[in-house]
Amino acid sequence: MASTQQGDNLLRRNINRNTGCSRCGDLETLVHLLFLCPFAVSVWNCTPWMSNFDSSQSVSFRDELQSSSRRINLPPVGITSNIFPWICWGLWLSRNQLVFESKNLTQQQVINRAIVSCKEWESAQLTLPKPIITKPPPRMPPALTSDTVMCHTDAAWNKDHEVAGLAWICSSSDSIEMSRGSSIQRAVSSPIVAEALAIREALLHASALSYKRIWL
């Protein structure tokens, strides 16, 4: 069981055998195994990314994992997911095959296996159907009584100056205009706020005119 662990882990457990990298002989740490070993460096140099990755400068697995999410795969590879975890997994498996089976994989074999594994993972993900978005039918006003006032509001908003123009028109149930108004409001943060302010002004206007039944 001891030989399945990295060399630095063996040293921490006072197990002083098999602590060197199986390829170059240096102390086998996680960063060395995945990034600094000459074999790992050559694998990363073959990784199908649009930008080059010099793993010989790596100092932290976490940092490299985070930065890998910004890397873009070359189009011919046929995968859209981050291939970084699969390359790391391939390097670990190739290390174990060398240690336990004396099987020495090439850099391209590690890359090819990582691509295949990533494609298999992508194809295994559940593809949920896109929800069908349907617009609800327009809401029609109920049967209006003769004393119902129809009130239409609107607003215009200037983003640069955060100024809104508000307007409203009140009409009878048979579409005869009864009154109208407009105003300017400053320090308005968004168009939806402007629309709300137009409704508020219309309601205040209707209240001042003693309208009892209103349809906005």
N, C-alpha and C. Protein backbone atom coordinates (compact mmCIF):
# COMPACT_ATOMS: atom_id res chain seq x y z
N MET A 1 0.82 -1.20 0.00
CA MET A 1 0.00 0.00 0.00
C MET A 1 0.86 1.26 0.00
N ALA A 2 2.05 1.18 0.63
CA ALA A 2 2.86 2.38 0.75
C ALA A 2 3.28 2.93 -0.60
N SER A 3 3.59 2.04 -1.54
CA SER A 3 4.12 2.49 -2.82
C SER A 3 3.08 3.17 -3.69
N THR A 4 1.80 3.11 -3.31
CA THR A 4 0.77 3.78 -4.09
C THR A 4 0.68 5.25 -3.73
N GLN A 5 1.43 5.71 -2.72
CA GLN A 5 1.38 7.09 -2.29
C GLN A 5 2.55 7.87 -2.88
N GLN A 6 2.43 9.20 -2.88
CA GLN A 6 3.51 10.05 -3.35
C GLN A 6 4.70 9.93 -2.40
N GLY A 7 5.90 10.26 -2.91
CA GLY A 7 7.11 10.15 -2.12
C GLY A 7 7.11 11.02 -0.88
N ASP A 8 6.61 12.25 -0.99
CA ASP A 8 6.61 13.12 0.19
C ASP A 8 5.67 12.61 1.25
N ASN A 9 4.57 11.95 0.85
CA ASN A 9 3.68 11.35 1.84
C ASN A 9 4.35 10.20 2.57
N LEU A 10 5.15 9.44 1.84
CA LEU A 10 5.86 8.33 2.47
C LEU A 10 6.87 8.85 3.50
N LEU A 11 7.54 9.95 3.16
CA LEU A 11 8.51 10.51 4.10
C LEU A 11 7.82 11.00 5.36
N ARG A 12 6.65 11.61 5.23
CA ARG A 12 5.94 12.09 6.42
C ARG A 12 5.52 10.94 7.32
N ARG A 13 5.40 9.76 6.74
CA ARG A 13 5.03 8.58 7.53
C ARG A 13 6.27 7.76 7.93
N ASN A 14 7.46 8.37 7.75
CA ASN A 14 8.73 7.71 8.09
C ASN A 14 8.95 6.44 7.30
N ILE A 15 8.43 6.41 6.08
CA ILE A 15 8.67 5.28 5.18
C ILE A 15 9.66 5.79 4.13
N ASN A 16 10.89 5.35 4.21
CA ASN A 16 11.96 5.96 3.43
C ASN A 16 12.29 5.22 2.14
N ARG A 17 11.37 4.45 1.63
CA ARG A 17 11.63 3.77 0.36
C ARG A 17 10.66 4.28 -0.70
N ASN A 18 11.08 4.20 -1.93
CA ASN A 18 10.23 4.60 -3.06
C ASN A 18 9.74 6.04 -2.93
N THR A 19 10.61 6.93 -2.46
CA THR A 19 10.19 8.33 -2.31
C THR A 19 10.56 9.17 -3.51
N GLY A 20 11.32 8.63 -4.43
CA GLY A 20 11.74 9.38 -5.61
C GLY A 20 10.77 9.20 -6.76
N CYS A 21 10.79 10.17 -7.64
CA CYS A 21 9.96 10.09 -8.85
C CYS A 21 10.39 8.90 -9.68
N SER A 22 9.44 8.12 -10.14
CA SER A 22 9.75 6.91 -10.90
C SER A 22 10.34 7.22 -12.26
N ARG A 23 10.29 8.48 -12.68
CA ARG A 23 10.81 8.85 -14.00
C ARG A 23 12.16 9.57 -13.91
N CYS A 24 12.28 10.53 -12.98
CA CYS A 24 13.50 11.34 -12.95
C CYS A 24 14.28 11.21 -11.65
N GLY A 25 13.70 10.63 -10.62
CA GLY A 25 14.41 10.41 -9.37
C GLY A 25 14.28 11.50 -8.34
N ASP A 26 13.75 12.67 -8.69
CA ASP A 26 13.56 13.74 -7.72
C ASP A 26 12.45 13.35 -6.73
N LEU A 27 12.42 14.06 -5.59
CA LEU A 27 11.39 13.78 -4.60
C LEU A 27 10.01 13.94 -5.23
N GLU A 28 9.18 12.95 -5.05
CA GLU A 28 7.87 12.92 -5.72
C GLU A 28 6.82 13.63 -4.85
N THR A 29 6.63 14.89 -5.12
CA THR A 29 5.54 15.65 -4.52
C THR A 29 4.40 15.72 -5.54
N LEU A 30 3.26 16.22 -5.09
CA LEU A 30 2.13 16.37 -6.00
C LEU A 30 2.47 17.33 -7.14
N VAL A 31 3.07 18.47 -6.79
CA VAL A 31 3.42 19.46 -7.82
C VAL A 31 4.47 18.89 -8.77
N HIS A 32 5.43 18.12 -8.23
CA HIS A 32 6.44 17.53 -9.10
C HIS A 32 5.81 16.52 -10.05
N LEU A 33 4.99 15.65 -9.53
CA LEU A 33 4.39 14.60 -10.34
C LEU A 33 3.55 15.18 -11.47
N LEU A 34 2.74 16.21 -11.15
CA LEU A 34 1.79 16.73 -12.13
C LEU A 34 2.35 17.83 -13.02
N PHE A 35 3.41 18.53 -12.55
CA PHE A 35 3.85 19.70 -13.30
C PHE A 35 5.35 19.77 -13.57
N LEU A 36 6.19 19.40 -12.60
CA LEU A 36 7.61 19.71 -12.70
C LEU A 36 8.45 18.59 -13.30
N CYS A 37 7.99 17.37 -13.19
CA CYS A 37 8.73 16.26 -13.79
C CYS A 37 8.87 16.50 -15.30
N PRO A 38 10.05 16.26 -15.88
CA PRO A 38 10.22 16.48 -17.32
C PRO A 38 9.15 15.79 -18.17
N PHE A 39 8.70 14.62 -17.73
CA PHE A 39 7.64 13.96 -18.48
C PHE A 39 6.34 14.76 -18.42
N ALA A 40 5.99 15.27 -17.23
CA ALA A 40 4.78 16.08 -17.08
C ALA A 40 4.88 17.36 -17.90
N VAL A 41 6.07 17.99 -17.89
CA VAL A 41 6.26 19.21 -18.68
C VAL A 41 6.00 18.93 -20.16
N SER A 42 6.53 17.82 -20.65
CA SER A 42 6.34 17.49 -22.06
C SER A 42 4.88 17.18 -22.38
N VAL A 43 4.14 16.58 -21.40
CA VAL A 43 2.72 16.32 -21.61
C VAL A 43 1.95 17.63 -21.73
N TRP A 44 2.21 18.56 -20.82
CA TRP A 44 1.50 19.84 -20.85
C TRP A 44 1.84 20.63 -22.11
N ASN A 45 3.06 20.45 -22.62
CA ASN A 45 3.42 21.13 -23.86
C ASN A 45 2.62 20.61 -25.04
N CYS A 46 2.09 19.40 -24.93
CA CYS A 46 1.29 18.81 -26.00
C CYS A 46 -0.21 19.02 -25.81
N THR A 47 -0.59 19.62 -24.69
CA THR A 47 -2.01 19.79 -24.40
C THR A 47 -2.66 20.69 -25.45
N PRO A 48 -3.81 20.29 -26.01
CA PRO A 48 -4.44 21.05 -27.10
C PRO A 48 -5.16 22.30 -26.63
N TRP A 49 -4.40 23.25 -26.12
CA TRP A 49 -4.95 24.55 -25.72
C TRP A 49 -4.49 25.61 -26.71
N MET A 50 -5.28 26.67 -26.82
CA MET A 50 -4.91 27.75 -27.72
C MET A 50 -3.68 28.51 -27.24
N SER A 51 -3.47 28.56 -25.92
CA SER A 51 -2.30 29.23 -25.36
C SER A 51 -1.38 28.20 -24.73
N ASN A 52 -0.09 28.46 -24.79
CA ASN A 52 0.90 27.54 -24.24
C ASN A 52 0.88 27.56 -22.71
N PHE A 53 1.21 26.43 -22.11
CA PHE A 53 1.26 26.31 -20.66
C PHE A 53 2.62 25.75 -20.26
N ASP A 54 3.43 26.56 -19.59
CA ASP A 54 4.74 26.14 -19.12
C ASP A 54 4.60 25.65 -17.68
N SER A 55 4.41 24.35 -17.52
CA SER A 55 4.16 23.80 -16.19
C SER A 55 5.40 23.81 -15.31
N SER A 56 6.58 24.01 -15.89
CA SER A 56 7.81 24.00 -15.09
C SER A 56 7.86 25.17 -14.10
N GLN A 57 6.97 26.16 -14.28
CA GLN A 57 6.92 27.30 -13.37
C GLN A 57 5.83 27.14 -12.31
N SER A 58 5.15 26.02 -12.28
CA SER A 58 4.02 25.81 -11.37
C SER A 58 4.51 25.62 -9.94
N VAL A 59 3.73 26.16 -9.00
CA VAL A 59 4.06 26.00 -7.58
C VAL A 59 2.87 25.50 -6.78
N SER A 60 1.67 25.49 -7.36
CA SER A 60 0.47 25.11 -6.60
C SER A 60 -0.54 24.46 -7.52
N PHE A 61 -1.03 23.30 -7.10
CA PHE A 61 -2.08 22.63 -7.87
C PHE A 61 -3.35 23.47 -7.90
N ARG A 62 -3.71 24.07 -6.75
CA ARG A 62 -4.93 24.87 -6.69
C ARG A 62 -4.88 26.04 -7.66
N ASP A 63 -3.74 26.72 -7.70
CA ASP A 63 -3.61 27.87 -8.60
C ASP A 63 -3.75 27.44 -10.06
N GLU A 64 -3.13 26.33 -10.41
CA GLU A 64 -3.21 25.87 -11.80
C GLU A 64 -4.63 25.41 -12.16
N LEU A 65 -5.32 24.80 -11.20
CA LEU A 65 -6.68 24.37 -11.45
C LEU A 65 -7.58 25.58 -11.71
N GLN A 66 -7.42 26.62 -10.90
CA GLN A 66 -8.24 27.82 -11.08
C GLN A 66 -7.95 28.50 -12.41
N SER A 67 -6.69 28.62 -12.77
CA SER A 67 -6.35 29.30 -14.02
C SER A 67 -6.72 28.46 -15.24
N SER A 68 -6.79 27.14 -15.08
CA SER A 68 -7.11 26.28 -16.23
C SER A 68 -8.52 26.52 -16.76
N SER A 69 -9.42 27.01 -15.91
CA SER A 69 -10.80 27.24 -16.36
C SER A 69 -10.88 28.34 -17.41
N ARG A 70 -9.83 29.15 -17.52
CA ARG A 70 -9.82 30.23 -18.51
C ARG A 70 -9.17 29.81 -19.82
N ARG A 71 -8.64 28.61 -19.88
CA ARG A 71 -7.97 28.14 -21.10
C ARG A 71 -9.00 27.58 -22.09
N ILE A 72 -8.71 27.74 -23.36
CA ILE A 72 -9.64 27.35 -24.41
C ILE A 72 -9.05 26.19 -25.19
N ASN A 73 -9.85 25.14 -25.39
CA ASN A 73 -9.40 23.98 -26.16
C ASN A 73 -9.37 24.32 -27.64
N LEU A 74 -8.44 23.72 -28.36
CA LEU A 74 -8.39 23.89 -29.80
C LEU A 74 -9.61 23.21 -30.43
N PRO A 75 -10.22 23.81 -31.44
CA PRO A 75 -11.47 23.28 -32.02
C PRO A 75 -11.41 21.83 -32.50
N PRO A 76 -10.30 21.38 -33.11
CA PRO A 76 -10.32 19.98 -33.61
C PRO A 76 -10.48 18.92 -32.54
N VAL A 77 -10.20 19.28 -31.28
CA VAL A 77 -10.25 18.28 -30.21
C VAL A 77 -11.67 17.76 -30.01
N GLY A 78 -12.66 18.63 -30.19
CA GLY A 78 -14.05 18.19 -30.09
C GLY A 78 -14.61 18.13 -28.69
N ILE A 79 -13.99 18.84 -27.74
CA ILE A 79 -14.52 18.90 -26.38
C ILE A 79 -14.60 20.36 -25.95
N THR A 80 -15.55 20.64 -25.09
CA THR A 80 -15.72 22.01 -24.59
C THR A 80 -15.40 22.11 -23.11
N SER A 81 -15.33 20.99 -22.40
CA SER A 81 -15.04 21.01 -20.97
C SER A 81 -13.57 21.27 -20.72
N ASN A 82 -13.26 21.62 -19.47
CA ASN A 82 -11.88 21.83 -19.05
C ASN A 82 -11.15 20.49 -19.02
N ILE A 83 -10.12 20.37 -19.84
CA ILE A 83 -9.40 19.09 -19.93
C ILE A 83 -8.35 18.94 -18.83
N PHE A 84 -8.10 20.00 -18.08
CA PHE A 84 -7.06 19.99 -17.06
C PHE A 84 -7.18 18.81 -16.08
N PRO A 85 -8.35 18.56 -15.47
CA PRO A 85 -8.44 17.44 -14.52
C PRO A 85 -8.13 16.09 -15.16
N TRP A 86 -8.49 15.95 -16.43
CA TRP A 86 -8.27 14.67 -17.11
C TRP A 86 -6.79 14.47 -17.42
N ILE A 87 -6.07 15.55 -17.72
CA ILE A 87 -4.63 15.44 -17.90
C ILE A 87 -3.95 15.03 -16.59
N CYS A 88 -4.37 15.67 -15.50
CA CYS A 88 -3.80 15.32 -14.19
C CYS A 88 -4.07 13.85 -13.85
N TRP A 89 -5.30 13.43 -14.10
CA TRP A 89 -5.64 12.03 -13.82
C TRP A 89 -4.83 11.10 -14.71
N GLY A 90 -4.62 11.47 -15.95
CA GLY A 90 -3.82 10.66 -16.86
C GLY A 90 -2.37 10.57 -16.42
N LEU A 91 -1.81 11.66 -15.90
CA LEU A 91 -0.44 11.63 -15.39
C LEU A 91 -0.32 10.71 -14.18
N TRP A 92 -1.33 10.73 -13.31
CA TRP A 92 -1.31 9.84 -12.13
C TRP A 92 -1.41 8.37 -12.55
N LEU A 93 -2.32 8.09 -13.49
CA LEU A 93 -2.46 6.71 -13.95
C LEU A 93 -1.20 6.22 -14.66
N SER A 94 -0.60 7.09 -15.45
CA SER A 94 0.62 6.68 -16.17
C SER A 94 1.75 6.41 -15.19
N ARG A 95 1.80 7.19 -14.10
CA ARG A 95 2.80 6.94 -13.06
C ARG A 95 2.59 5.57 -12.44
N ASN A 96 1.33 5.23 -12.12
CA ASN A 96 1.04 3.93 -11.52
C ASN A 96 1.34 2.78 -12.47
N GLN A 97 1.03 2.97 -13.75
CA GLN A 97 1.33 1.91 -14.72
C GLN A 97 2.84 1.68 -14.84
N LEU A 98 3.62 2.75 -14.72
CA LEU A 98 5.07 2.61 -14.78
C LEU A 98 5.59 1.90 -13.54
N VAL A 99 5.04 2.25 -12.37
CA VAL A 99 5.51 1.68 -11.11
C VAL A 99 5.11 0.22 -10.97
N PHE A 100 3.85 -0.11 -11.26
CA PHE A 100 3.33 -1.45 -10.97
C PHE A 100 3.35 -2.39 -12.16
N GLU A 101 3.36 -1.85 -13.38
CA GLU A 101 3.31 -2.71 -14.56
C GLU A 101 4.51 -2.54 -15.47
N SER A 102 5.42 -1.63 -15.09
CA SER A 102 6.60 -1.33 -15.92
C SER A 102 6.18 -0.95 -17.34
N LYS A 103 5.03 -0.28 -17.42
CA LYS A 103 4.51 0.15 -18.72
C LYS A 103 4.73 1.65 -18.85
N ASN A 104 5.49 2.02 -19.86
CA ASN A 104 5.88 3.42 -20.03
C ASN A 104 5.07 4.04 -21.16
N LEU A 105 4.07 4.85 -20.79
CA LEU A 105 3.24 5.50 -21.80
C LEU A 105 3.97 6.71 -22.37
N THR A 106 3.64 7.04 -23.59
CA THR A 106 4.19 8.24 -24.21
C THR A 106 3.35 9.46 -23.83
N GLN A 107 3.90 10.63 -24.08
CA GLN A 107 3.16 11.86 -23.80
C GLN A 107 1.85 11.91 -24.58
N GLN A 108 1.91 11.52 -25.84
CA GLN A 108 0.70 11.59 -26.67
C GLN A 108 -0.35 10.59 -26.22
N GLN A 109 0.06 9.46 -25.69
CA GLN A 109 -0.90 8.49 -25.16
C GLN A 109 -1.64 9.07 -23.96
N VAL A 110 -0.92 9.78 -23.10
CA VAL A 110 -1.56 10.41 -21.95
C VAL A 110 -2.58 11.45 -22.42
N ILE A 111 -2.19 12.25 -23.41
CA ILE A 111 -3.10 13.27 -23.95
C ILE A 111 -4.32 12.61 -24.58
N ASN A 112 -4.10 11.60 -25.40
CA ASN A 112 -5.22 10.94 -26.08
C ASN A 112 -6.21 10.32 -25.09
N ARG A 113 -5.68 9.68 -24.05
CA ARG A 113 -6.57 9.09 -23.04
C ARG A 113 -7.36 10.17 -22.30
N ALA A 114 -6.73 11.30 -22.05
CA ALA A 114 -7.43 12.40 -21.37
C ALA A 114 -8.57 12.93 -22.24
N ILE A 115 -8.32 13.07 -23.54
CA ILE A 115 -9.35 13.56 -24.46
C ILE A 115 -10.52 12.58 -24.52
N VAL A 116 -10.20 11.28 -24.62
CA VAL A 116 -11.26 10.26 -24.68
C VAL A 116 -12.08 10.27 -23.39
N SER A 117 -11.41 10.35 -22.24
CA SER A 117 -12.13 10.36 -20.96
C SER A 117 -13.01 11.59 -20.84
N CYS A 118 -12.52 12.72 -21.29
CA CYS A 118 -13.30 13.96 -21.23
C CYS A 118 -14.53 13.87 -22.15
N LYS A 119 -14.36 13.30 -23.33
CA LYS A 119 -15.49 13.13 -24.25
C LYS A 119 -16.53 12.19 -23.66
N GLU A 120 -16.07 11.10 -23.04
CA GLU A 120 -17.01 10.17 -22.41
C GLU A 120 -17.77 10.85 -21.29
N TRP A 121 -17.08 11.68 -20.52
CA TRP A 121 -17.75 12.40 -19.43
C TRP A 121 -18.79 13.36 -19.98
N GLU A 122 -18.45 14.08 -21.02
CA GLU A 122 -19.39 15.03 -21.61
C GLU A 122 -20.64 14.32 -22.15
N SER A 123 -20.43 13.19 -22.82
CA SER A 123 -21.57 12.47 -23.39
C SER A 123 -22.45 11.83 -22.32
N ALA A 124 -21.87 11.60 -21.13
CA ALA A 124 -22.65 10.97 -20.05
C ALA A 124 -23.48 11.96 -19.26
N GLN A 125 -23.23 13.27 -19.48
CA GLN A 125 -23.99 14.26 -18.73
C GLN A 125 -25.43 14.30 -19.23
N LEU A 126 -26.34 14.44 -18.28
CA LEU A 126 -27.76 14.48 -18.62
C LEU A 126 -28.07 15.78 -19.34
N THR A 127 -28.61 15.66 -20.53
CA THR A 127 -29.00 16.83 -21.30
C THR A 127 -30.47 17.10 -21.07
N LEU A 128 -30.74 18.16 -20.35
CA LEU A 128 -32.12 18.50 -20.05
C LEU A 128 -32.74 19.26 -21.22
N PRO A 129 -33.94 18.91 -21.60
CA PRO A 129 -34.58 19.66 -22.69
C PRO A 129 -34.82 21.10 -22.29
N LYS A 130 -34.65 21.97 -23.25
CA LYS A 130 -34.88 23.37 -22.97
C LYS A 130 -36.37 23.61 -22.72
N PRO A 131 -36.67 24.35 -21.68
CA PRO A 131 -38.08 24.61 -21.40
C PRO A 131 -38.73 25.41 -22.53
N ILE A 132 -39.95 25.07 -22.81
CA ILE A 132 -40.70 25.78 -23.83
C ILE A 132 -41.37 26.98 -23.17
N ILE A 133 -40.94 28.13 -23.61
CA ILE A 133 -41.46 29.36 -23.02
C ILE A 133 -42.61 29.88 -23.90
N THR A 134 -43.75 29.94 -23.31
CA THR A 134 -44.92 30.44 -24.05
C THR A 134 -45.42 31.70 -23.36
N LYS A 135 -45.77 32.64 -24.16
CA LYS A 135 -46.29 33.88 -23.61
C LYS A 135 -47.73 33.67 -23.15
N PRO A 136 -48.04 34.14 -21.97
CA PRO A 136 -49.43 34.02 -21.52
C PRO A 136 -50.32 34.91 -22.39
N PRO A 137 -51.56 34.52 -22.55
CA PRO A 137 -52.47 35.35 -23.34
C PRO A 137 -52.62 36.72 -22.70
N PRO A 138 -52.81 37.74 -23.50
CA PRO A 138 -52.96 39.08 -22.92
C PRO A 138 -54.13 39.14 -21.95
N ARG A 139 -53.87 39.81 -20.85
CA ARG A 139 -54.90 39.91 -19.82
C ARG A 139 -55.92 40.97 -20.22
N MET A 140 -57.12 40.56 -20.38
CA MET A 140 -58.19 41.48 -20.77
C MET A 140 -58.90 42.00 -19.52
N PRO A 141 -59.28 43.26 -19.57
CA PRO A 141 -60.00 43.81 -18.41
C PRO A 141 -61.35 43.14 -18.24
N PRO A 142 -61.80 43.04 -17.02
CA PRO A 142 -63.13 42.46 -16.79
C PRO A 142 -64.22 43.39 -17.35
N ALA A 143 -65.41 42.91 -17.30
CA ALA A 143 -66.54 43.76 -17.72
C ALA A 143 -66.57 45.00 -16.83
N LEU A 144 -66.39 46.14 -17.44
CA LEU A 144 -66.26 47.38 -16.66
C LEU A 144 -67.61 48.05 -16.49
N THR A 145 -67.78 48.60 -15.31
CA THR A 145 -68.98 49.39 -15.06
C THR A 145 -68.79 50.78 -15.66
N SER A 146 -69.84 51.49 -15.77
CA SER A 146 -69.80 52.78 -16.43
C SER A 146 -68.95 53.81 -15.66
N ASP A 147 -68.76 53.58 -14.36
CA ASP A 147 -67.98 54.55 -13.58
C ASP A 147 -66.50 54.16 -13.44
N THR A 148 -66.08 53.12 -14.17
CA THR A 148 -64.68 52.71 -14.12
C THR A 148 -63.83 53.62 -15.00
N VAL A 149 -62.72 54.09 -14.45
CA VAL A 149 -61.79 54.95 -15.19
C VAL A 149 -60.62 54.10 -15.67
N MET A 150 -60.37 54.13 -16.99
CA MET A 150 -59.22 53.45 -17.57
C MET A 150 -58.02 54.37 -17.47
N CYS A 151 -56.93 53.89 -16.90
CA CYS A 151 -55.75 54.73 -16.69
C CYS A 151 -54.54 54.09 -17.36
N HIS A 152 -54.00 54.73 -18.39
CA HIS A 152 -52.82 54.24 -19.11
C HIS A 152 -51.60 55.05 -18.68
N THR A 153 -50.51 54.37 -18.34
CA THR A 153 -49.30 55.06 -17.90
C THR A 153 -48.12 54.65 -18.78
N ASP A 154 -47.12 55.52 -18.79
CA ASP A 154 -45.88 55.21 -19.52
C ASP A 154 -44.76 56.04 -18.93
N ALA A 155 -43.51 55.63 -19.23
CA ALA A 155 -42.35 56.34 -18.71
C ALA A 155 -41.21 56.26 -19.70
N ALA A 156 -40.39 57.30 -19.74
CA ALA A 156 -39.14 57.31 -20.51
C ALA A 156 -38.00 57.59 -19.54
N TRP A 157 -36.85 56.90 -19.75
CA TRP A 157 -35.76 57.00 -18.77
C TRP A 157 -34.45 57.30 -19.48
N ASN A 158 -33.72 58.28 -18.96
CA ASN A 158 -32.40 58.63 -19.48
C ASN A 158 -31.34 58.06 -18.54
N LYS A 159 -30.59 57.09 -19.03
CA LYS A 159 -29.62 56.40 -18.19
C LYS A 159 -28.50 57.32 -17.74
N ASP A 160 -28.00 58.16 -18.64
CA ASP A 160 -26.84 59.00 -18.33
C ASP A 160 -27.15 60.00 -17.21
N HIS A 161 -28.35 60.56 -17.24
CA HIS A 161 -28.72 61.59 -16.26
C HIS A 161 -29.63 61.07 -15.16
N GLU A 162 -30.08 59.80 -15.29
CA GLU A 162 -31.00 59.19 -14.32
C GLU A 162 -32.24 60.07 -14.12
N VAL A 163 -32.78 60.51 -15.24
CA VAL A 163 -34.00 61.33 -15.23
C VAL A 163 -35.09 60.56 -15.97
N ALA A 164 -36.30 60.61 -15.42
CA ALA A 164 -37.42 59.90 -16.03
C ALA A 164 -38.54 60.89 -16.36
N GLY A 165 -39.16 60.69 -17.52
CA GLY A 165 -40.36 61.42 -17.87
C GLY A 165 -41.57 60.53 -17.66
N LEU A 166 -42.55 60.97 -16.89
CA LEU A 166 -43.72 60.17 -16.53
C LEU A 166 -44.96 60.76 -17.17
N ALA A 167 -45.86 59.91 -17.62
CA ALA A 167 -47.10 60.40 -18.24
C ALA A 167 -48.23 59.43 -17.99
N TRP A 168 -49.47 59.94 -17.99
CA TRP A 168 -50.66 59.11 -17.79
C TRP A 168 -51.87 59.79 -18.43
N ILE A 169 -52.80 58.95 -18.85
CA ILE A 169 -54.05 59.41 -19.46
C ILE A 169 -55.19 58.62 -18.84
N CYS A 170 -56.21 59.30 -18.39
CA CYS A 170 -57.39 58.66 -17.82
C CYS A 170 -58.56 58.86 -18.79
N SER A 171 -59.27 57.76 -19.01
CA SER A 171 -60.42 57.83 -19.92
C SER A 171 -61.57 57.02 -19.35
N SER A 172 -62.74 57.27 -19.87
CA SER A 172 -63.93 56.54 -19.41
C SER A 172 -63.95 55.15 -20.01
N SER A 173 -64.89 54.34 -19.55
CA SER A 173 -64.98 52.97 -20.03
C SER A 173 -65.29 52.89 -21.52
N ASP A 174 -65.83 53.98 -22.09
CA ASP A 174 -66.09 53.99 -23.53
C ASP A 174 -65.03 54.80 -24.28
N SER A 175 -63.80 54.90 -23.68
CA SER A 175 -62.61 55.45 -24.31
C SER A 175 -62.67 56.95 -24.58
N ILE A 176 -63.42 57.67 -23.79
CA ILE A 176 -63.43 59.14 -23.90
C ILE A 176 -62.45 59.68 -22.86
N GLU A 177 -61.48 60.50 -23.34
CA GLU A 177 -60.47 61.03 -22.43
C GLU A 177 -61.10 61.93 -21.39
N MET A 178 -60.68 61.70 -20.13
CA MET A 178 -61.19 62.49 -19.02
C MET A 178 -60.13 63.45 -18.46
N SER A 179 -58.89 63.00 -18.42
CA SER A 179 -57.81 63.85 -17.92
C SER A 179 -56.49 63.22 -18.30
N ARG A 180 -55.43 64.03 -18.18
CA ARG A 180 -54.09 63.52 -18.44
C ARG A 180 -53.09 64.33 -17.63
N GLY A 181 -51.85 63.83 -17.55
CA GLY A 181 -50.83 64.55 -16.81
C GLY A 181 -49.45 64.01 -17.14
N SER A 182 -48.44 64.75 -16.74
CA SER A 182 -47.06 64.33 -16.94
C SER A 182 -46.18 65.01 -15.90
N SER A 183 -45.02 64.45 -15.67
CA SER A 183 -44.07 65.05 -14.74
C SER A 183 -42.68 64.50 -15.02
N ILE A 184 -41.69 65.15 -14.44
CA ILE A 184 -40.29 64.72 -14.55
C ILE A 184 -39.80 64.31 -13.17
N GLN A 185 -39.11 63.19 -13.10
CA GLN A 185 -38.58 62.69 -11.83
C GLN A 185 -37.08 62.49 -11.96
N ARG A 186 -36.31 63.01 -11.02
CA ARG A 186 -34.85 62.87 -11.04
C ARG A 186 -34.40 61.78 -10.07
N ALA A 187 -33.15 61.40 -10.22
CA ALA A 187 -32.53 60.35 -9.37
C ALA A 187 -33.30 59.04 -9.49
N VAL A 188 -33.62 58.65 -10.72
CA VAL A 188 -34.32 57.39 -10.99
C VAL A 188 -33.27 56.37 -11.44
N SER A 189 -33.20 55.25 -10.76
CA SER A 189 -32.08 54.32 -10.95
C SER A 189 -32.25 53.35 -12.11
N SER A 190 -33.48 53.11 -12.59
CA SER A 190 -33.67 52.12 -13.64
C SER A 190 -35.00 52.37 -14.36
N PRO A 191 -35.19 51.79 -15.54
CA PRO A 191 -36.46 51.97 -16.26
C PRO A 191 -37.65 51.36 -15.54
N ILE A 192 -37.44 50.25 -14.81
CA ILE A 192 -38.57 49.64 -14.11
C ILE A 192 -39.03 50.54 -12.97
N VAL A 193 -38.08 51.24 -12.34
CA VAL A 193 -38.45 52.21 -11.30
C VAL A 193 -39.24 53.36 -11.92
N ALA A 194 -38.81 53.77 -13.11
CA ALA A 194 -39.53 54.84 -13.79
C ALA A 194 -40.97 54.44 -14.09
N GLU A 195 -41.18 53.21 -14.52
CA GLU A 195 -42.54 52.74 -14.80
C GLU A 195 -43.38 52.74 -13.51
N ALA A 196 -42.76 52.30 -12.42
CA ALA A 196 -43.48 52.27 -11.14
C ALA A 196 -43.85 53.68 -10.69
N LEU A 197 -42.94 54.62 -10.90
CA LEU A 197 -43.23 56.00 -10.52
C LEU A 197 -44.36 56.58 -11.36
N ALA A 198 -44.44 56.20 -12.63
CA ALA A 198 -45.53 56.67 -13.48
C ALA A 198 -46.88 56.17 -12.96
N ILE A 199 -46.91 54.92 -12.50
CA ILE A 199 -48.15 54.38 -11.93
C ILE A 199 -48.52 55.12 -10.65
N ARG A 200 -47.50 55.36 -9.82
CA ARG A 200 -47.78 56.08 -8.58
C ARG A 200 -48.35 57.48 -8.86
N GLU A 201 -47.74 58.20 -9.80
CA GLU A 201 -48.23 59.54 -10.12
C GLU A 201 -49.65 59.49 -10.67
N ALA A 202 -49.94 58.46 -11.48
CA ALA A 202 -51.29 58.33 -12.04
C ALA A 202 -52.32 58.08 -10.93
N LEU A 203 -51.94 57.26 -9.95
CA LEU A 203 -52.86 56.98 -8.84
C LEU A 203 -53.09 58.23 -7.98
N LEU A 204 -52.02 58.99 -7.76
CA LEU A 204 -52.19 60.24 -7.01
C LEU A 204 -53.09 61.22 -7.76
N HIS A 205 -52.90 61.26 -9.07
CA HIS A 205 -53.74 62.11 -9.92
C HIS A 205 -55.21 61.69 -9.85
N ALA A 206 -55.44 60.37 -9.94
CA ALA A 206 -56.81 59.86 -9.89
C ALA A 206 -57.44 60.11 -8.53
N SER A 207 -56.64 59.97 -7.47
CA SER A 207 -57.16 60.23 -6.13
C SER A 207 -57.56 61.69 -5.96
N ALA A 208 -56.72 62.58 -6.51
CA ALA A 208 -57.02 64.01 -6.39
C ALA A 208 -58.32 64.37 -7.12
N LEU A 209 -58.65 63.59 -8.17
CA LEU A 209 -59.88 63.85 -8.92
C LEU A 209 -61.05 63.01 -8.40
N SER A 210 -60.81 62.29 -7.30
CA SER A 210 -61.86 61.51 -6.63
C SER A 210 -62.41 60.39 -7.52
N TYR A 211 -61.54 59.81 -8.36
CA TYR A 211 -61.97 58.63 -9.11
C TYR A 211 -62.05 57.45 -8.14
N LYS A 212 -63.15 56.72 -8.16
CA LYS A 212 -63.36 55.62 -7.21
C LYS A 212 -62.98 54.27 -7.76
N ARG A 213 -63.21 54.05 -9.06
CA ARG A 213 -62.92 52.74 -9.67
C ARG A 213 -61.92 52.98 -10.80
N ILE A 214 -60.76 52.29 -10.70
CA ILE A 214 -59.69 52.53 -11.67
C ILE A 214 -59.19 51.19 -12.23
N TRP A 215 -58.97 51.19 -13.53
CA TRP A 215 -58.33 50.04 -14.17
C TRP A 215 -57.02 50.54 -14.77
N LEU A 216 -55.88 50.07 -14.21
CA LEU A 216 -54.57 50.53 -14.67
C LEU A 216 -54.14 49.77 -15.90
